[in-house]
Amino acid sequence: MSDDHSRAGDRETLRAYEKELRKAERKVAGEIDPGARALVVAVGILAAMLSLILPHAGDATGLDVLTMTARAHAQRIALPSQIFVWLLVVFVIGFSAFALLSRRWVVAWIALSGSAIASVAGMLAIWTRNTIGVGGVQPPSGAGAGLILGFLVAIVMTFHWSRVVWARSSYHLALEAERRRHAASAEAFGLALQQRLGEPTDRDRDTDS
């Protein structure tokens, strides 16, 4: 009788352990843990916001480029600069802040993708400002401090978000491997228990048939 209670207790322990593993896997599947990188991302968001009030071209700031004011038109702001500033605001600032607050993995992925695209757009924007005759006859003003700062911030944010997302993926894979190992152990335990009780296993049934 004590053996039956012991085996029943073992089964309950295995079920409880499997339940906890599944719960942990579901939790980690939807969440991220940026750790110390959260501070770097927060500083990056502040730096991106600072870049918007600094000159991007001549006396046109990032906010002028964002809203295309008269100063932006006077500096002959090209499309790559407009796209870069919008990507900077939406992804590098907006989605990065949302990802830090929500700790949601899908939001971090969006922030990563948007920051990567913003890096490419920033490179094109700087190239445009240094290309003679773009948008007019006269050479345009060179890339300002705000444009260069925003470009560097987009690169840094892309790197750190990729590290956060990769770390989460590695942890998730480790949990899946642990759950598979536990499932195999539970199956072996069930087969051993059936054999001890003299019950036919699935393998025995296949042999008999």
C-alpha atoms as a PDB file:
ATOM      1  CA  MET A   1       0.000   0.000   0.000  1.00  0.00           C
ATOM      2  CA  SER A   2       2.855   2.337   0.845  1.00  0.00           C
ATOM      3  CA  ASP A   3       4.405   1.626  -2.582  1.00  0.00           C
ATOM      4  CA  ASP A   4       1.172   2.706  -4.277  1.00  0.00           C
ATOM      5  CA  HIS A   5       1.134   5.932  -2.288  1.00  0.00           C
ATOM      6  CA  SER A   6       4.781   6.520  -3.142  1.00  0.00           C
ATOM      7  CA  ARG A   7       4.189   5.977  -6.848  1.00  0.00           C
ATOM      8  CA  ALA A   8       1.152   8.243  -6.768  1.00  0.00           C
ATOM      9  CA  GLY A   9       3.223  10.897  -5.032  1.00  0.00           C
ATOM     10  CA  ASP A  10       5.927  10.589  -7.682  1.00  0.00           C
ATOM     11  CA  ARG A  11       3.376  11.031 -10.439  1.00  0.00           C
ATOM     12  CA  GLU A  12       1.944  14.127  -8.757  1.00  0.00           C
ATOM     13  CA  THR A  13       5.435  15.561  -8.344  1.00  0.00           C
ATOM     14  CA  LEU A  14       6.194  15.017 -12.025  1.00  0.00           C
ATOM     15  CA  ARG A  15       2.897  16.613 -13.076  1.00  0.00           C
ATOM     16  CA  ALA A  16       3.513  19.622 -10.821  1.00  0.00           C
ATOM     17  CA  TYR A  17       7.036  20.033 -12.193  1.00  0.00           C
ATOM     18  CA  GLU A  18       5.790  19.847 -15.775  1.00  0.00           C
ATOM     19  CA  LYS A  19       3.086  22.401 -15.011  1.00  0.00           C
ATOM     20  CA  GLU A  20       5.653  24.808 -13.592  1.00  0.00           C
ATOM     21  CA  LEU A  21       7.868  24.335 -16.648  1.00  0.00           C
ATOM     22  CA  ARG A  22       5.000  25.097 -19.011  1.00  0.00           C
ATOM     23  CA  LYS A  23       4.050  28.155 -16.983  1.00  0.00           C
ATOM     24  CA  ALA A  24       7.643  29.443 -17.065  1.00  0.00           C
ATOM     25  CA  GLU A  25       7.867  28.770 -20.798  1.00  0.00           C
ATOM     26  CA  ARG A  26       4.660  30.698 -21.531  1.00  0.00           C
ATOM     27  CA  LYS A  27       5.887  33.587 -19.417  1.00  0.00           C
ATOM     28  CA  VAL A  28       9.298  33.829 -21.038  1.00  0.00           C
ATOM     29  CA  ALA A  29       7.776  33.409 -24.499  1.00  0.00           C
ATOM     30  CA  GLY A  30       6.076  36.790 -24.188  1.00  0.00           C
ATOM     31  CA  GLU A  31       8.460  38.753 -21.989  1.00  0.00           C
ATOM     32  CA  ILE A  32      11.983  40.130 -22.100  1.00  0.00           C
ATOM     33  CA  ASP A  33      14.461  40.915 -19.362  1.00  0.00           C
ATOM     34  CA  PRO A  34      16.808  43.673 -20.608  1.00  0.00           C
ATOM     35  CA  GLY A  35      18.729  43.723 -17.328  1.00  0.00           C
ATOM     36  CA  ALA A  36      21.524  46.284 -17.286  1.00  0.00           C
ATOM     37  CA  ARG A  37      20.821  47.110 -20.940  1.00  0.00           C
ATOM     38  CA  ALA A  38      17.615  48.829 -19.848  1.00  0.00           C
ATOM     39  CA  LEU A  39      19.718  51.765 -18.609  1.00  0.00           C
ATOM     40  CA  VAL A  40      21.558  51.979 -21.944  1.00  0.00           C
ATOM     41  CA  VAL A  41      18.276  51.935 -23.851  1.00  0.00           C
ATOM     42  CA  ALA A  42      16.803  54.614 -21.574  1.00  0.00           C
ATOM     43  CA  VAL A  43      19.835  56.847 -22.152  1.00  0.00           C
ATOM     44  CA  GLY A  44      19.538  56.156 -25.882  1.00  0.00           C
ATOM     45  CA  ILE A  45      15.910  57.302 -25.860  1.00  0.00           C
ATOM     46  CA  LEU A  46      16.902  60.545 -24.132  1.00  0.00           C
ATOM     47  CA  ALA A  47      19.741  61.057 -26.615  1.00  0.00           C
ATOM     48  CA  ALA A  48      17.342  60.504 -29.528  1.00  0.00           C
ATOM     49  CA  MET A  49      14.985  63.108 -28.068  1.00  0.00           C
ATOM     50  CA  LEU A  50      17.920  65.498 -27.684  1.00  0.00           C
ATOM     51  CA  SER A  51      18.856  64.990 -31.323  1.00  0.00           C
ATOM     52  CA  LEU A  52      15.443  66.328 -32.350  1.00  0.00           C
ATOM     53  CA  ILE A  53      16.123  69.771 -30.875  1.00  0.00           C
ATOM     54  CA  LEU A  54      19.643  69.972 -32.334  1.00  0.00           C
ATOM     55  CA  PRO A  55      20.334  71.183 -35.896  1.00  0.00           C
ATOM     56  CA  HIS A  56      19.966  68.544 -38.595  1.00  0.00           C
ATOM     57  CA  ALA A  57      20.878  70.810 -41.502  1.00  0.00           C
ATOM     58  CA  GLY A  58      21.826  74.453 -41.207  1.00  0.00           C
ATOM     59  CA  ASP A  59      19.462  76.016 -38.670  1.00  0.00           C
ATOM     60  CA  ALA A  60      16.725  73.411 -39.212  1.00  0.00           C
ATOM     61  CA  THR A  61      16.326  71.162 -36.189  1.00  0.00           C
ATOM     62  CA  GLY A  62      14.951  67.645 -36.094  1.00  0.00           C
ATOM     63  CA  LEU A  63      11.554  68.997 -35.108  1.00  0.00           C
ATOM     64  CA  ASP A  64      11.631  71.290 -38.146  1.00  0.00           C
ATOM     65  CA  VAL A  65      12.361  68.276 -40.333  1.00  0.00           C
ATOM     66  CA  LEU A  66       9.596  66.306 -38.622  1.00  0.00           C
ATOM     67  CA  THR A  67       6.957  68.966 -39.305  1.00  0.00           C
ATOM     68  CA  MET A  68       8.616  70.389 -42.446  1.00  0.00           C
ATOM     69  CA  THR A  69       8.581  74.023 -41.339  1.00  0.00           C
ATOM     70  CA  ALA A  70       9.783  76.974 -43.396  1.00  0.00           C
ATOM     71  CA  ARG A  71      13.321  76.505 -42.085  1.00  0.00           C
ATOM     72  CA  ALA A  72      13.279  72.893 -43.265  1.00  0.00           C
ATOM     73  CA  HIS A  73      12.122  73.968 -46.737  1.00  0.00           C
ATOM     74  CA  ALA A  74      14.803  76.665 -46.797  1.00  0.00           C
ATOM     75  CA  GLN A  75      17.440  73.966 -46.167  1.00  0.00           C
ATOM     76  CA  ARG A  76      16.000  71.826 -48.970  1.00  0.00           C
ATOM     77  CA  ILE A  77      15.406  68.830 -46.691  1.00  0.00           C
ATOM     78  CA  ALA A  78      15.261  65.684 -48.811  1.00  0.00           C
ATOM     79  CA  LEU A  79      13.013  62.662 -48.344  1.00  0.00           C
ATOM     80  CA  PRO A  80      15.669  60.443 -46.653  1.00  0.00           C
ATOM     81  CA  SER A  81      16.004  62.981 -43.837  1.00  0.00           C
ATOM     82  CA  GLN A  82      12.239  63.092 -43.316  1.00  0.00           C
ATOM     83  CA  ILE A  83      11.989  59.301 -43.285  1.00  0.00           C
ATOM     84  CA  PHE A  84      14.875  59.026 -40.838  1.00  0.00           C
ATOM     85  CA  VAL A  85      13.373  61.496 -38.364  1.00  0.00           C
ATOM     86  CA  TRP A  86       9.995  59.754 -38.457  1.00  0.00           C
ATOM     87  CA  LEU A  87      11.630  56.374 -37.890  1.00  0.00           C
ATOM     88  CA  LEU A  88      13.637  57.870 -35.048  1.00  0.00           C
ATOM     89  CA  VAL A  89      10.505  59.181 -33.354  1.00  0.00           C
ATOM     90  CA  VAL A  90       8.283  56.148 -33.923  1.00  0.00           C
ATOM     91  CA  PHE A  91      10.696  53.269 -33.308  1.00  0.00           C
ATOM     92  CA  VAL A  92      13.870  54.459 -31.587  1.00  0.00           C
ATOM     93  CA  ILE A  93      11.909  56.614 -29.139  1.00  0.00           C
ATOM     94  CA  GLY A  94       8.310  55.372 -29.147  1.00  0.00           C
ATOM     95  CA  PHE A  95       8.557  51.598 -29.427  1.00  0.00           C
ATOM     96  CA  SER A  96      11.781  51.455 -27.415  1.00  0.00           C
ATOM     97  CA  ALA A  97      10.100  53.246 -24.507  1.00  0.00           C
ATOM     98  CA  PHE A  98       7.021  51.026 -24.836  1.00  0.00           C
ATOM     99  CA  ALA A  99       9.205  47.900 -24.869  1.00  0.00           C
ATOM    100  CA  LEU A 100      10.984  48.987 -21.688  1.00  0.00           C
ATOM    101  CA  LEU A 101       7.692  49.670 -19.906  1.00  0.00           C
ATOM    102  CA  SER A 102       5.750  46.625 -21.117  1.00  0.00           C
ATOM    103  CA  ARG A 103       8.662  44.135 -21.274  1.00  0.00           C
ATOM    104  CA  ARG A 104       6.871  42.490 -24.194  1.00  0.00           C
ATOM    105  CA  TRP A 105       9.016  40.484 -26.581  1.00  0.00           C
ATOM    106  CA  VAL A 106       7.035  41.371 -29.706  1.00  0.00           C
ATOM    107  CA  VAL A 107       7.373  45.093 -28.938  1.00  0.00           C
ATOM    108  CA  ALA A 108      11.128  44.661 -28.508  1.00  0.00           C
ATOM    109  CA  TRP A 109      11.242  42.946 -31.904  1.00  0.00           C
ATOM    110  CA  ILE A 110       9.420  45.906 -33.479  1.00  0.00           C
ATOM    111  CA  ALA A 111      11.823  48.337 -31.794  1.00  0.00           C
ATOM    112  CA  LEU A 112      14.764  46.295 -33.093  1.00  0.00           C
ATOM    113  CA  SER A 113      13.461  46.179 -36.662  1.00  0.00           C
ATOM    114  CA  GLY A 114      12.566  49.866 -36.707  1.00  0.00           C
ATOM    115  CA  SER A 115      15.924  50.895 -35.238  1.00  0.00           C
ATOM    116  CA  ALA A 116      17.748  48.837 -37.871  1.00  0.00           C
ATOM    117  CA  ILE A 117      15.785  50.514 -40.675  1.00  0.00           C
ATOM    118  CA  ALA A 118      16.382  53.906 -39.045  1.00  0.00           C
ATOM    119  CA  SER A 119      20.138  53.230 -39.097  1.00  0.00           C
ATOM    120  CA  VAL A 120      20.035  52.717 -42.859  1.00  0.00           C
ATOM    121  CA  ALA A 121      17.827  55.765 -43.359  1.00  0.00           C
ATOM    122  CA  GLY A 122      20.173  57.860 -41.191  1.00  0.00           C
ATOM    123  CA  MET A 123      23.149  56.864 -43.324  1.00  0.00           C
ATOM    124  CA  LEU A 124      21.232  57.884 -46.463  1.00  0.00           C
ATOM    125  CA  ALA A 125      20.192  61.171 -44.824  1.00  0.00           C
ATOM    126  CA  ILE A 126      23.804  62.048 -43.982  1.00  0.00           C
ATOM    127  CA  TRP A 127      24.904  61.096 -47.495  1.00  0.00           C
ATOM    128  CA  THR A 128      22.157  63.302 -48.943  1.00  0.00           C
ATOM    129  CA  ARG A 129      23.283  66.314 -46.911  1.00  0.00           C
ATOM    130  CA  ASN A 130      26.831  65.882 -48.185  1.00  0.00           C
ATOM    131  CA  THR A 131      25.889  65.450 -51.836  1.00  0.00           C
ATOM    132  CA  ILE A 132      26.264  68.566 -53.935  1.00  0.00           C
ATOM    133  CA  GLY A 133      23.165  69.873 -55.668  1.00  0.00           C
ATOM    134  CA  VAL A 134      20.546  67.731 -53.925  1.00  0.00           C
ATOM    135  CA  GLY A 135      17.192  69.519 -53.985  1.00  0.00           C
ATOM    136  CA  GLY A 136      18.557  72.689 -55.535  1.00  0.00           C
ATOM    137  CA  VAL A 137      21.288  74.375 -57.471  1.00  0.00           C
ATOM    138  CA  GLN A 138      23.395  75.406 -54.499  1.00  0.00           C
ATOM    139  CA  PRO A 139      25.170  72.804 -52.346  1.00  0.00           C
ATOM    140  CA  PRO A 140      23.043  71.975 -49.286  1.00  0.00           C
ATOM    141  CA  SER A 141      24.155  72.506 -45.713  1.00  0.00           C
ATOM    142  CA  GLY A 142      26.107  69.567 -44.293  1.00  0.00           C
ATOM    143  CA  ALA A 143      24.800  67.097 -41.758  1.00  0.00           C
ATOM    144  CA  GLY A 144      24.232  68.807 -38.415  1.00  0.00           C
ATOM    145  CA  ALA A 145      24.973  67.560 -34.920  1.00  0.00           C
ATOM    146  CA  GLY A 146      21.389  66.404 -34.403  1.00  0.00           C
ATOM    147  CA  LEU A 147      21.376  64.242 -37.531  1.00  0.00           C
ATOM    148  CA  ILE A 148      24.708  62.639 -36.661  1.00  0.00           C
ATOM    149  CA  LEU A 149      23.672  62.048 -33.042  1.00  0.00           C
ATOM    150  CA  GLY A 150      20.368  60.488 -34.099  1.00  0.00           C
ATOM    151  CA  PHE A 151      22.159  58.206 -36.557  1.00  0.00           C
ATOM    152  CA  LEU A 152      24.600  57.003 -33.877  1.00  0.00           C
ATOM    153  CA  VAL A 153      21.758  56.448 -31.404  1.00  0.00           C
ATOM    154  CA  ALA A 154      19.869  54.324 -33.957  1.00  0.00           C
ATOM    155  CA  ILE A 155      22.938  52.111 -34.405  1.00  0.00           C
ATOM    156  CA  VAL A 156      23.435  51.718 -30.646  1.00  0.00           C
ATOM    157  CA  MET A 157      19.756  50.901 -30.089  1.00  0.00           C
ATOM    158  CA  THR A 158      19.829  48.311 -32.876  1.00  0.00           C
ATOM    159  CA  PHE A 159      22.785  46.585 -31.245  1.00  0.00           C
ATOM    160  CA  HIS A 160      21.320  46.536 -27.736  1.00  0.00           C
ATOM    161  CA  TRP A 161      17.820  45.451 -28.784  1.00  0.00           C
ATOM    162  CA  SER A 162      19.332  42.622 -30.817  1.00  0.00           C
ATOM    163  CA  ARG A 163      21.253  41.439 -27.748  1.00  0.00           C
ATOM    164  CA  VAL A 164      18.100  41.584 -25.598  1.00  0.00           C
ATOM    165  CA  VAL A 165      16.017  39.653 -28.131  1.00  0.00           C
ATOM    166  CA  TRP A 166      18.771  37.066 -28.686  1.00  0.00           C
ATOM    167  CA  ALA A 167      19.216  36.494 -24.942  1.00  0.00           C
ATOM    168  CA  ARG A 168      15.494  35.892 -24.563  1.00  0.00           C
ATOM    169  CA  SER A 169      15.461  33.458 -27.507  1.00  0.00           C
ATOM    170  CA  SER A 170      18.362  31.463 -26.024  1.00  0.00           C
ATOM    171  CA  TYR A 171      16.596  31.198 -22.666  1.00  0.00           C
ATOM    172  CA  HIS A 172      13.391  30.082 -24.360  1.00  0.00           C
ATOM    173  CA  LEU A 173      15.244  27.344 -26.262  1.00  0.00           C
ATOM    174  CA  ALA A 174      16.817  26.139 -22.999  1.00  0.00           C
ATOM    175  CA  LEU A 175      13.363  25.919 -21.400  1.00  0.00           C
ATOM    176  CA  GLU A 176      12.017  23.935 -24.345  1.00  0.00           C
ATOM    177  CA  ALA A 177      14.943  21.504 -24.099  1.00  0.00           C
ATOM    178  CA  GLU A 178      14.331  21.086 -20.370  1.00  0.00           C
ATOM    179  CA  ARG A 179      10.629  20.415 -20.965  1.00  0.00           C
ATOM    180  CA  ARG A 180      11.428  17.786 -23.611  1.00  0.00           C
ATOM    181  CA  ARG A 181      13.907  16.118 -21.251  1.00  0.00           C
ATOM    182  CA  HIS A 182      11.293  16.092 -18.512  1.00  0.00           C
ATOM    183  CA  ALA A 183       8.658  14.647 -20.875  1.00  0.00           C
ATOM    184  CA  ALA A 184      11.034  11.826 -21.835  1.00  0.00           C
ATOM    185  CA  SER A 185      11.735  11.130 -18.143  1.00  0.00           C
ATOM    186  CA  ALA A 186       8.023  11.093 -17.351  1.00  0.00           C
ATOM    187  CA  GLU A 187       7.352   8.654 -20.204  1.00  0.00           C
ATOM    188  CA  ALA A 188      10.145   6.359 -19.025  1.00  0.00           C
ATOM    189  CA  PHE A 189       8.777   6.531 -15.489  1.00  0.00           C
ATOM    190  CA  GLY A 190       5.296   5.613 -16.707  1.00  0.00           C
ATOM    191  CA  LEU A 191       6.589   2.627 -18.665  1.00  0.00           C
ATOM    192  CA  ALA A 192       8.620   1.412 -15.690  1.00  0.00           C
ATOM    193  CA  LEU A 193       5.600   1.804 -13.434  1.00  0.00           C
ATOM    194  CA  GLN A 194       3.381  -0.190 -15.802  1.00  0.00           C
ATOM    195  CA  GLN A 195       5.930  -2.966 -16.033  1.00  0.00           C
ATOM    196  CA  ARG A 196       6.231  -3.059 -12.242  1.00  0.00           C
ATOM    197  CA  LEU A 197       2.466  -3.399 -11.909  1.00  0.00           C
ATOM    198  CA  GLY A 198       2.357  -6.049 -14.599  1.00  0.00           C
ATOM    199  CA  GLU A 199       0.287  -3.904 -16.983  1.00  0.00           C
ATOM    200  CA  PRO A 200       0.949  -4.203 -20.735  1.00  0.00           C
ATOM    201  CA  THR A 201       2.731  -1.202 -22.191  1.00  0.00           C
ATOM    202  CA  ASP A 202       2.115   0.306 -25.641  1.00  0.00           C
ATOM    203  CA  ARG A 203       5.283  -1.391 -26.838  1.00  0.00           C
ATOM    204  CA  ASP A 204       4.026  -4.772 -25.605  1.00  0.00           C
ATOM    205  CA  ARG A 205       0.649  -4.241 -27.304  1.00  0.00           C
ATOM    206  CA  ASP A 206       2.409  -3.484 -30.597  1.00  0.00           C
ATOM    207  CA  THR A 207       4.459  -6.693 -30.230  1.00  0.00           C
ATOM    208  CA  ASP A 208       1.356  -8.793 -29.505  1.00  0.00           C
ATOM    209  CA  SER A 209      -0.463  -7.392 -32.495  1.00  0.00           C
END
